[in-house]
Amino acid sequence: MEQGDAHAPMSDLEPGTVQRRQLQIRISDIAWTALCVLLALWALWGAVGIFRGVGTAWAYCLAAAVLFVAATGARIAATRRRHL
């Protein structure tokens, strides 16, 4: 078949296909998980700094914890919206 043929079947990853949507969801899940893991590690690093007596560690720990909670909440909300 020619490329411009209107009756040619769609490839798996063309816009509008189920596989394309599944790929987008999978990439989104990987990105959210990576962000949450990095923020959790940052918060843990800040907590270790607090116990070691680093003066500004509490600020890093607090900022990381707030961002971690916000990112986790957004990820959960996105997952719930997807399954409704």
C-alpha atoms as a PDB file:
ATOM      1  CA  MET A   1       0.000   0.000   0.000  1.00  0.00           C
ATOM      2  CA  GLU A   2       1.067   3.564  -0.527  1.00  0.00           C
ATOM      3  CA  GLN A   3       1.772   5.829   2.420  1.00  0.00           C
ATOM      4  CA  GLY A   4      -1.007   8.246   1.569  1.00  0.00           C
ATOM      5  CA  ASP A   5      -3.617   5.504   1.182  1.00  0.00           C
ATOM      6  CA  ALA A   6      -6.727   6.419   3.217  1.00  0.00           C
ATOM      7  CA  HIS A   7      -7.535   2.746   3.766  1.00  0.00           C
ATOM      8  CA  ALA A   8      -4.152   1.797   5.224  1.00  0.00           C
ATOM      9  CA  PRO A   9      -4.352   0.379   8.764  1.00  0.00           C
ATOM     10  CA  MET A  10      -3.079   2.555  11.594  1.00  0.00           C
ATOM     11  CA  SER A  11       0.194   1.644  13.223  1.00  0.00           C
ATOM     12  CA  ASP A  12       0.114   0.756  16.927  1.00  0.00           C
ATOM     13  CA  LEU A  13       1.453   4.081  18.214  1.00  0.00           C
ATOM     14  CA  GLU A  14      -0.460   6.557  16.066  1.00  0.00           C
ATOM     15  CA  PRO A  15      -2.550   9.155  17.906  1.00  0.00           C
ATOM     16  CA  GLY A  16      -5.920   7.779  18.920  1.00  0.00           C
ATOM     17  CA  THR A  17      -4.857   4.164  19.359  1.00  0.00           C
ATOM     18  CA  VAL A  18      -5.191   2.227  22.604  1.00  0.00           C
ATOM     19  CA  GLN A  19      -1.477   1.395  22.574  1.00  0.00           C
ATOM     20  CA  ARG A  20      -0.550   5.076  22.314  1.00  0.00           C
ATOM     21  CA  ARG A  21      -2.704   5.886  25.367  1.00  0.00           C
ATOM     22  CA  GLN A  22      -1.205   2.963  27.297  1.00  0.00           C
ATOM     23  CA  LEU A  23       2.295   4.205  26.454  1.00  0.00           C
ATOM     24  CA  GLN A  24       1.444   7.707  27.673  1.00  0.00           C
ATOM     25  CA  ILE A  25       0.073   6.296  30.927  1.00  0.00           C
ATOM     26  CA  ARG A  26       3.160   4.120  31.435  1.00  0.00           C
ATOM     27  CA  ILE A  27       5.553   7.031  30.830  1.00  0.00           C
ATOM     28  CA  SER A  28       3.539   9.190  33.226  1.00  0.00           C
ATOM     29  CA  ASP A  29       3.650   6.475  35.909  1.00  0.00           C
ATOM     30  CA  ILE A  30       7.423   6.125  35.541  1.00  0.00           C
ATOM     31  CA  ALA A  31       7.946   9.895  35.761  1.00  0.00           C
ATOM     32  CA  TRP A  32       5.729  10.276  38.855  1.00  0.00           C
ATOM     33  CA  THR A  33       7.403   7.337  40.571  1.00  0.00           C
ATOM     34  CA  ALA A  34      10.874   8.707  39.844  1.00  0.00           C
ATOM     35  CA  LEU A  35       9.882  12.130  41.196  1.00  0.00           C
ATOM     36  CA  CYS A  36       8.426  10.646  44.391  1.00  0.00           C
ATOM     37  CA  VAL A  37      11.521   8.492  44.968  1.00  0.00           C
ATOM     38  CA  LEU A  38      13.864  11.452  44.477  1.00  0.00           C
ATOM     39  CA  LEU A  39      11.850  13.628  46.859  1.00  0.00           C
ATOM     40  CA  ALA A  40      11.723  10.859  49.475  1.00  0.00           C
ATOM     41  CA  LEU A  41      15.508  10.454  49.243  1.00  0.00           C
ATOM     42  CA  TRP A  42      15.945  14.219  49.542  1.00  0.00           C
ATOM     43  CA  ALA A  43      13.775  14.267  52.679  1.00  0.00           C
ATOM     44  CA  LEU A  44      15.745  11.353  54.130  1.00  0.00           C
ATOM     45  CA  TRP A  45      19.011  13.119  53.354  1.00  0.00           C
ATOM     46  CA  GLY A  46      17.699  16.214  55.154  1.00  0.00           C
ATOM     47  CA  ALA A  47      16.642  14.146  58.171  1.00  0.00           C
ATOM     48  CA  VAL A  48      20.109  12.601  58.371  1.00  0.00           C
ATOM     49  CA  GLY A  49      21.559  16.098  58.241  1.00  0.00           C
ATOM     50  CA  ILE A  50      19.343  17.152  61.149  1.00  0.00           C
ATOM     51  CA  PHE A  51      20.661  14.297  63.275  1.00  0.00           C
ATOM     52  CA  ARG A  52      24.246  15.094  62.283  1.00  0.00           C
ATOM     53  CA  GLY A  53      23.778  18.708  63.372  1.00  0.00           C
ATOM     54  CA  VAL A  54      23.879  20.470  60.008  1.00  0.00           C
ATOM     55  CA  GLY A  55      22.357  23.903  60.608  1.00  0.00           C
ATOM     56  CA  THR A  56      20.196  24.256  57.504  1.00  0.00           C
ATOM     57  CA  ALA A  57      19.234  20.594  57.144  1.00  0.00           C
ATOM     58  CA  TRP A  58      15.825  21.149  58.728  1.00  0.00           C
ATOM     59  CA  ALA A  59      14.897  23.572  55.929  1.00  0.00           C
ATOM     60  CA  TYR A  60      15.898  21.043  53.252  1.00  0.00           C
ATOM     61  CA  CYS A  61      14.045  18.270  55.035  1.00  0.00           C
ATOM     62  CA  LEU A  62      10.888  20.359  55.405  1.00  0.00           C
ATOM     63  CA  ALA A  63      10.956  21.514  51.766  1.00  0.00           C
ATOM     64  CA  ALA A  64      11.489  17.960  50.528  1.00  0.00           C
ATOM     65  CA  ALA A  65       8.725  16.595  52.748  1.00  0.00           C
ATOM     66  CA  VAL A  66       6.218  19.213  51.538  1.00  0.00           C
ATOM     67  CA  LEU A  67       7.106  18.570  47.887  1.00  0.00           C
ATOM     68  CA  PHE A  68       6.969  14.802  48.448  1.00  0.00           C
ATOM     69  CA  VAL A  69       3.465  15.024  49.942  1.00  0.00           C
ATOM     70  CA  ALA A  70       2.292  17.292  47.105  1.00  0.00           C
ATOM     71  CA  ALA A  71       3.758  15.040  44.386  1.00  0.00           C
ATOM     72  CA  THR A  72       2.348  11.897  45.987  1.00  0.00           C
ATOM     73  CA  GLY A  73      -1.091  13.512  46.300  1.00  0.00           C
ATOM     74  CA  ALA A  74      -1.022  14.618  42.659  1.00  0.00           C
ATOM     75  CA  ARG A  75       0.033  11.132  41.543  1.00  0.00           C
ATOM     76  CA  ILE A  76      -2.779   9.489  43.520  1.00  0.00           C
ATOM     77  CA  ALA A  77      -5.337  11.983  42.188  1.00  0.00           C
ATOM     78  CA  ALA A  78      -4.170  11.418  38.603  1.00  0.00           C
ATOM     79  CA  THR A  79      -4.426   7.654  39.034  1.00  0.00           C
ATOM     80  CA  ARG A  80      -7.936   7.918  40.472  1.00  0.00           C
ATOM     81  CA  ARG A  81      -9.095  10.193  37.639  1.00  0.00           C
ATOM     82  CA  ARG A  82      -7.704   7.751  35.106  1.00  0.00           C
ATOM     83  CA  HIS A  83      -9.673   4.839  36.564  1.00  0.00           C
ATOM     84  CA  LEU A  84     -13.041   6.627  36.823  1.00  0.00           C
END
